[in-house]
N, C-alpha and C. Protein backbone atom coordinates (compact mmCIF):
# COMPACT_ATOMS: atom_id res chain seq x y z
N ASN A 1 -4.28 -4.50 -2.81
CA ASN A 1 -4.52 -4.03 -1.45
C ASN A 1 -4.42 -5.18 -0.46
N SER A 2 -4.92 -6.35 -0.83
CA SER A 2 -4.89 -7.49 0.09
C SER A 2 -3.46 -7.87 0.44
N ILE A 3 -2.53 -7.71 -0.52
CA ILE A 3 -1.13 -8.08 -0.26
C ILE A 3 -0.56 -7.17 0.83
N GLN A 4 -0.77 -5.86 0.70
CA GLN A 4 -0.24 -4.93 1.69
C GLN A 4 -0.96 -5.13 3.01
N ASN A 5 -2.25 -5.41 2.95
CA ASN A 5 -3.02 -5.57 4.18
C ASN A 5 -2.49 -6.75 4.99
N SER A 6 -2.21 -7.86 4.36
CA SER A 6 -1.72 -9.03 5.10
C SER A 6 -0.26 -8.85 5.47
N HIS A 7 0.45 -7.97 4.78
CA HIS A 7 1.88 -7.78 5.07
C HIS A 7 2.07 -7.04 6.39
N SER A 8 1.36 -5.94 6.58
CA SER A 8 1.55 -5.15 7.80
C SER A 8 0.27 -5.06 8.62
N GLY A 9 -0.83 -5.60 8.14
CA GLY A 9 -2.07 -5.53 8.90
C GLY A 9 -2.79 -4.21 8.70
N SER A 10 -3.76 -3.91 9.57
CA SER A 10 -4.56 -2.69 9.42
C SER A 10 -3.72 -1.45 9.68
N GLY A 11 -2.59 -1.60 10.37
CA GLY A 11 -1.73 -0.44 10.66
C GLY A 11 -1.31 0.25 9.39
N THR A 12 -0.88 -0.51 8.38
CA THR A 12 -0.45 0.09 7.11
C THR A 12 -1.65 0.47 6.25
N ALA A 13 -2.76 -0.20 6.44
CA ALA A 13 -3.94 0.07 5.62
C ALA A 13 -4.30 1.55 5.70
N LYS A 14 -4.20 2.14 6.89
CA LYS A 14 -4.53 3.57 7.03
C LYS A 14 -3.57 4.41 6.20
N ASP A 15 -2.32 4.00 6.12
CA ASP A 15 -1.34 4.76 5.33
C ASP A 15 -1.61 4.58 3.83
N ILE A 16 -2.11 3.42 3.46
CA ILE A 16 -2.36 3.14 2.04
C ILE A 16 -3.52 3.98 1.52
N GLU A 17 -4.51 4.25 2.35
CA GLU A 17 -5.68 5.04 1.90
C GLU A 17 -5.27 6.34 1.22
N PRO A 18 -4.49 7.21 1.88
CA PRO A 18 -4.06 8.46 1.24
C PRO A 18 -3.15 8.20 0.04
N VAL A 19 -2.39 7.14 0.10
CA VAL A 19 -1.48 6.81 -1.00
C VAL A 19 -2.28 6.48 -2.26
N GLU A 20 -3.40 5.80 -2.09
CA GLU A 20 -4.22 5.44 -3.27
C GLU A 20 -4.68 6.70 -3.99
N ARG A 21 -4.94 7.76 -3.25
CA ARG A 21 -5.39 9.01 -3.87
C ARG A 21 -4.30 9.56 -4.78
N GLU A 22 -3.05 9.39 -4.38
CA GLU A 22 -1.94 9.88 -5.21
C GLU A 22 -1.86 9.09 -6.51
N GLY A 23 -2.03 7.77 -6.41
CA GLY A 23 -1.99 6.95 -7.62
C GLY A 23 -0.56 6.52 -7.92
N SER A 24 0.29 7.47 -8.26
CA SER A 24 1.69 7.15 -8.60
C SER A 24 2.38 6.53 -7.39
N LEU A 25 2.16 7.10 -6.21
CA LEU A 25 2.79 6.56 -5.01
C LEU A 25 2.28 5.15 -4.75
N HIS A 26 1.00 4.93 -5.03
CA HIS A 26 0.42 3.61 -4.79
C HIS A 26 1.15 2.56 -5.63
N VAL A 27 1.48 2.93 -6.87
CA VAL A 27 2.19 2.00 -7.76
C VAL A 27 3.58 1.71 -7.20
N LYS A 28 4.28 2.75 -6.76
CA LYS A 28 5.63 2.56 -6.20
C LYS A 28 5.55 1.68 -4.96
N PHE A 29 4.52 1.88 -4.14
CA PHE A 29 4.36 1.09 -2.93
C PHE A 29 4.18 -0.38 -3.28
N THR A 30 3.38 -0.63 -4.30
CA THR A 30 3.12 -2.02 -4.71
C THR A 30 4.40 -2.66 -5.23
N VAL A 31 5.19 -1.90 -5.97
CA VAL A 31 6.44 -2.44 -6.52
C VAL A 31 7.39 -2.80 -5.38
N LEU A 32 7.49 -1.92 -4.38
CA LEU A 32 8.38 -2.19 -3.25
C LEU A 32 7.92 -3.44 -2.52
N ASP A 33 6.60 -3.60 -2.36
CA ASP A 33 6.07 -4.76 -1.67
C ASP A 33 6.34 -6.03 -2.48
N GLY A 34 6.25 -5.91 -3.81
CA GLY A 34 6.48 -7.07 -4.66
C GLY A 34 7.91 -7.56 -4.55
N LYS A 35 8.86 -6.62 -4.51
CA LYS A 35 10.26 -7.01 -4.41
C LYS A 35 10.56 -7.50 -3.00
């Protein structure tokens, strides 16, 4: 979460909250951020 938070700031944090509930989407999001 800290990686995404520092990448786009609190603006993306709100989008990540619902994504975490999905689980699978959260993993895809992390992979995209890693690349």
